[in-house]
Amino acid sequence: MEIHFAFLALGGLLLLGMFADELGRRTRLPRVSLMILFGVAVGSSGFDILPPDVYGWFDFLAAAALTMVAFLLGSRFTQSRLRDQGKAIVVISLAAVLVTALIVGTGLLLVGAPLIVALLLGGIATATAPAATQDIVKQTQAQGPFTDTLLGVVAIDDVWGLILFSVLLITAKAIVGDGGVDILTQSLWELGGAVAVGTAVGIPAAYLTGRLHTGEPIQAEAIGVVFLCAGLALWLEVSFLLSGMIAGALIVNFARHHTRTFHEIERIEWPFMVLFFVLAGASLDLTALNAIGLIGVAYLGLRIVGRIAGGWTGGVASGVPLLHRRWIGFALLPQAGVALGMALVAVIHFPELGKTLLAVTIGSTIVFELFGPLFTQAALRKTGETRES
């Protein structure tokens, strides 16, 4: 792609993000949904005006943006916050994952889905979209115990989801008579390796970062830490989400001037998030909605029920206020790239199910990416923790 097209594309996408931000302020719609819609409009499912090479930026931008999000989510795990809300975060996240998988898997069996499909889609349904949730909180300027619990839950529920998905994938392989040792080994490496990368970056950074004065030097330092974490995770083929979260949690608890690093990341995060969400929308193929069929429609309804029931169950078990129990499940509806990643892994092991799994996952991701943030925003308002409330 010629360099002037690259500048035109970058400038246009960033201005679209600015327009989405202003429109979101005026209409009180989630700017995440608006940016994705704008992306759909300029992408292959819309007017198809983006140069083809622009789509090649998506993997880099996704890794950069999501590692920043994970890094900031990790900063929520301070010792004081873990003492106050650690039980609620762990219990609600586990309940949301387990109940969602159970309801989706069982429900799909009842509507006639094959056992293997029901198992795999039950695992895929547990994935959430931490980037969308983080941006909704930022847009609404939400603060309070419900917001803190929500951000803690979305920070770790994908970890539980990946573990459960791996178990279900191994179970599916065992049912058809194939070994699951390779899946178990890969899963352990992805999770354990991510912890190792986050620790390897986080511990030195905790003692070396934040000592400079605020401004350009520490901004470069913050970007360097995030990019180093993302690069190592991608190179070693481990979860950059978990790596970023571990690094952020270590820095916030052990660094002397930890707030400087996180504030600098918050200042530079927005352009990456704009490009990520708009390109995510541009990459969506809306024709996938035509192929989801009965299983896909059932999956959509069952996942909504599973999220709400799982949030309620976890809220009861952890003793959070009644209002929080009612709305935490609604706030967990957004679903994005992690689900698609799970589906692609499943297709590698069950290629004959690829058409069904990908159609349902892509189709449902479109729905939950567009409409999930609306429910998250509504939940934050109903609990009275947004500035608008």
Foldseek 3Di string as FASTA:
>chain_A
DDPVLVVVVLVVLLVQLVVLLVVCVVVVDQSLLSLLVLLLCCFPVHPNPRDPCLLVCQVVLVLLLLLLLLLLLLLLPAPVCCVVCVLLLVLLLLLLLVLLLVLQLVLLVVVPDDNLLSLLLSLLLQFFDSSSLVSLCVSLVFDDDLSSSLSSSNLCSVVVSLVSNLVSLQVSCVVVPHHSPVSVVVSCCQQVVLLVLLCVLQPVCLAPAQPDDADDVNLVVLSVSSVSLSVVCVVSVHDSSSSSSSSSNSNSHRHPRSVRSSVSSVVPSVSSSSSNSSSQSSPADQCLLVQQPPSLVSSLVSSLVSLLVSLLVSCVVSVDDPLSNRQSSLLRQQHDDSSQVSLVVSCVVVVVCNSNSNSSSSNSNSVRSNCSSVSNSVSSVSVPRGPVD
